């Protein structure tokens, strides 16, 4: 069972704003060569974008400890299943880095950060394409 928290549908805008702010910070951190914080911003961009998506369509956001579980919520959305499959893969590519970036001694490389940026940008672009943004 996925742990969720109810959120009023209008709350999706706040999560989308957070995702945009993380995306902006992600770009700034990458430009400054701060690849660890860049990747962490990419992760939070993905989490916030996923929350915006599930809040809008389901009125809930993921509230469990394992961020990857949000995928199960996204897969239940009434959207093109092939597109969801690709977008979930992008999100998972970001989320799987969370533990390593936050807790392990290994540093994020420039290429690792670039991949996180690419996946976060593509996921956020898709989320914005299926949500009202005004």
Foldseek 3Di string as FASTA:
>chain_A
DFDKDFAALVCLLVLLVLLVVLLVVLVVCLVVVVLLSSLVSLLSSLQSLLQSQCCNQPRIHGDDPQSLCSLVSLCPGPDPNVVSVVLSVLNVLSSVCVCVSPPNPDHQDSVNSVSSSVSSVVNSVVSPVPDPND
